[in-house]
Amino acid sequence: MQILKYGNSILRKKAQRIEKIDERIKKIAEAMISSLRAAKGIGLAANQVGIAERLCVVDTRRGETKGEIICLVNPKIVSFEGKVSFEEGCLSFPEIYAEIERPAQVKVSYKDLKGEARDLVAEGILARVLQHEIDHLNGVLFIDRMSKIKYLLLSKRLKVLQKENR
């Protein structure tokens, strides 16, 4: 699967809820995991590969080794606390990074690929990645969360990237 870059309109669309976890969804998840690993990323949302459905995959070991990958169907942040700033990047924004403030801890409810309801409490980088990917599913990009000054500093690069990928 090709990872779409900033400028592709699907990145701004809110993904649709998945009503049935079937073989099609499982195959999409497998392909997303392959794409995530090939890109050496730590998280990938379905709309980043052109599928506007509420599915994301996250590497719990942050790409350092082949760690556990979790697949989240219809993930939703149900609670959060604290605040922390940290530099973020995104596979859809090659070589663009920015300091982003997000909650330090989140609780996410989702279904796994077996259709079982799960809750995950995360902090640190895992909390950040979950928030980043759920933002993608809502059509929100990390550039929407960066400071206005940082956005202005990156605006020329963003315009070029956007124009190349329309």
Protein backbone atom coordinates (compact mmCIF):
# COMPACT_ATOMS: atom_id res chain seq x y z
CA MET A 1 0.00 0.00 0.00
CA GLN A 2 1.25 3.45 -0.86
CA ILE A 3 1.29 5.98 1.96
CA LEU A 4 -0.44 9.14 0.80
CA LYS A 5 1.26 12.48 1.25
CA TYR A 6 -0.11 15.83 2.36
CA GLY A 7 -2.19 17.31 -0.42
CA ASN A 8 -4.29 14.20 -0.99
CA SER A 9 -7.86 15.15 -0.04
CA ILE A 10 -8.66 11.86 1.74
CA LEU A 11 -6.32 12.91 4.56
CA ARG A 12 -8.84 15.62 5.47
CA LYS A 13 -11.89 13.33 5.41
CA LYS A 14 -13.38 11.89 8.56
CA ALA A 15 -13.16 8.10 8.30
CA GLN A 16 -16.35 6.02 8.42
CA ARG A 17 -17.13 3.67 11.29
CA ILE A 18 -16.50 -0.02 10.53
CA GLU A 19 -19.69 -1.99 11.12
CA LYS A 20 -18.37 -5.48 10.42
CA ILE A 21 -14.89 -6.86 11.01
CA ASP A 22 -14.57 -9.32 8.16
CA GLU A 23 -11.78 -10.76 6.00
CA ARG A 24 -11.60 -7.54 3.97
CA ILE A 25 -10.82 -5.51 7.09
CA LYS A 26 -8.27 -8.09 8.27
CA LYS A 27 -6.53 -8.01 4.86
CA ILE A 28 -6.43 -4.21 4.96
CA ALA A 29 -4.88 -4.37 8.44
CA GLU A 30 -2.24 -6.88 7.27
CA ALA A 31 -1.33 -4.69 4.31
CA MET A 32 -1.16 -1.63 6.57
CA ILE A 33 1.21 -3.47 8.93
CA SER A 34 3.48 -4.30 5.98
CA SER A 35 3.42 -0.67 4.85
CA LEU A 36 4.11 0.56 8.38
CA ARG A 37 7.11 -1.72 8.76
CA ALA A 38 8.45 -0.91 5.29
CA ALA A 39 8.27 2.80 6.11
CA LYS A 40 9.84 2.18 9.55
CA GLY A 41 6.93 4.04 11.09
CA ILE A 42 5.22 3.63 14.43
CA GLY A 43 1.62 4.31 13.45
CA LEU A 44 -0.57 4.33 10.37
CA ALA A 45 -4.22 5.24 9.86
CA ALA A 46 -6.31 3.72 7.07
CA ASN A 47 -6.97 7.06 5.39
CA GLN A 48 -3.19 7.46 5.01
CA VAL A 49 -3.36 4.55 2.55
CA GLY A 50 -6.52 5.77 0.82
CA ILE A 51 -9.17 3.94 2.85
CA ALA A 52 -11.61 6.20 4.71
CA GLU A 53 -12.50 3.68 7.41
CA ARG A 54 -11.79 3.85 11.16
CA LEU A 55 -8.81 1.50 11.37
CA CYS A 56 -5.26 2.14 12.50
CA VAL A 57 -2.18 0.09 13.31
CA VAL A 58 0.39 1.00 15.97
CA ASP A 59 3.78 -0.51 16.74
CA THR A 60 4.01 -0.67 20.53
CA ARG A 61 7.80 -0.94 20.40
CA ARG A 62 8.10 2.29 18.43
CA GLY A 63 9.83 0.72 15.44
CA GLU A 64 13.01 -0.11 17.39
CA THR A 65 12.55 -3.86 16.96
CA LYS A 66 9.81 -5.95 15.49
CA GLY A 67 7.40 -5.38 18.32
CA GLU A 68 3.78 -6.08 18.91
CA ILE A 69 1.53 -4.33 16.43
CA ILE A 70 -1.96 -3.55 17.61
CA CYS A 71 -4.83 -3.04 15.21
CA LEU A 72 -7.52 -0.69 16.44
CA VAL A 73 -10.95 -0.75 14.83
CA ASN A 74 -13.16 2.27 15.56
CA PRO A 75 -10.76 3.70 18.18
CA LYS A 76 -12.02 6.46 20.41
CA ILE A 77 -10.26 8.45 23.12
CA VAL A 78 -12.51 8.18 26.17
CA SER A 79 -10.34 10.04 28.69
CA PHE A 80 -7.07 11.92 28.91
CA GLU A 81 -4.97 13.75 31.44
CA GLY A 82 -1.88 15.90 31.73
CA LYS A 83 -0.01 17.71 28.99
CA VAL A 84 3.34 17.17 27.38
CA SER A 85 5.16 18.62 24.37
CA PHE A 86 7.24 16.45 22.09
CA GLU A 87 8.54 16.55 18.53
CA GLU A 88 6.29 14.71 16.09
CA GLY A 89 6.61 13.66 12.51
CA CYS A 90 4.24 11.91 10.14
CA LEU A 91 4.64 9.45 7.27
CA SER A 92 2.35 11.70 5.20
CA PHE A 93 4.70 14.67 5.80
CA PRO A 94 8.21 13.45 4.92
CA GLU A 95 11.01 15.25 6.74
CA ILE A 96 8.67 17.66 8.51
CA TYR A 97 8.73 17.72 12.31
CA ALA A 98 7.22 19.98 14.93
CA GLU A 99 6.82 20.26 18.66
CA ILE A 100 3.21 19.33 19.46
CA GLU A 101 1.47 19.55 22.83
CA ARG A 102 -0.87 16.64 23.62
CA PRO A 103 -2.34 14.95 26.68
CA ALA A 104 0.30 12.88 28.51
CA GLN A 105 -2.00 9.92 29.12
CA VAL A 106 -5.02 8.60 27.24
CA LYS A 107 -7.53 5.82 27.55
CA VAL A 108 -8.65 4.48 24.17
CA SER A 109 -11.59 2.16 23.54
CA TYR A 110 -11.56 0.09 20.36
CA LYS A 111 -12.30 -3.32 18.90
CA ASP A 112 -9.55 -5.75 17.94
CA LEU A 113 -9.60 -7.77 14.72
CA LYS A 114 -11.58 -10.52 16.49
CA GLY A 115 -14.33 -8.00 17.22
CA GLU A 116 -13.61 -7.94 20.96
CA ALA A 117 -14.03 -4.64 22.80
CA ARG A 118 -10.79 -3.44 24.37
CA ASP A 119 -9.51 -0.53 26.40
CA LEU A 120 -5.93 0.64 26.37
CA VAL A 121 -4.42 3.11 28.82
CA ALA A 122 -1.24 4.60 27.40
CA GLU A 123 1.31 7.23 28.26
CA GLY A 124 4.54 8.45 26.71
CA ILE A 125 5.17 7.81 23.04
CA LEU A 126 2.37 5.23 22.76
CA ALA A 127 -0.19 7.78 23.99
CA ARG A 128 1.14 10.29 21.46
CA VAL A 129 0.98 7.83 18.56
CA LEU A 130 -2.57 6.77 19.43
CA GLN A 131 -3.69 10.40 19.52
CA HIS A 132 -1.91 11.16 16.25
CA GLU A 133 -3.54 8.21 14.44
CA ILE A 134 -7.01 8.88 15.86
CA ASP A 135 -6.60 12.50 14.71
CA HIS A 136 -5.94 11.15 11.19
CA LEU A 137 -9.19 9.17 11.35
CA ASN A 138 -10.96 12.43 12.20
CA GLY A 139 -9.35 14.32 9.30
CA VAL A 140 -7.08 16.25 11.67
CA LEU A 141 -3.40 16.52 10.76
CA PHE A 142 -0.49 17.22 13.07
CA ILE A 143 0.12 20.53 11.29
CA ASP A 144 -3.27 21.62 12.67
CA ARG A 145 -1.84 21.25 16.18
CA MET A 146 1.51 23.01 15.69
CA SER A 147 2.15 26.57 16.79
CA LYS A 148 1.29 29.32 14.35
CA ILE A 149 4.94 30.37 14.24
CA LYS A 150 6.12 26.86 13.35
CA TYR A 151 3.36 26.58 10.73
CA LEU A 152 4.48 29.86 9.15
CA LEU A 153 8.10 28.69 9.14
CA LEU A 154 7.06 25.49 7.34
CA SER A 155 4.45 27.05 5.07
CA LYS A 156 6.59 27.06 1.89
CA ARG A 157 7.54 23.38 2.32
CA LEU A 158 3.92 22.49 3.07
CA LYS A 159 2.64 24.32 -0.02
CA VAL A 160 5.14 22.46 -2.22
CA LEU A 161 4.19 19.12 -0.71
CA GLN A 162 0.50 19.89 -1.04
CA LYS A 163 0.87 20.93 -4.69
CA GLU A 164 2.89 17.78 -5.55
CA ASN A 165 0.24 15.49 -4.10
CA ARG A 166 -3.07 16.91 -5.25
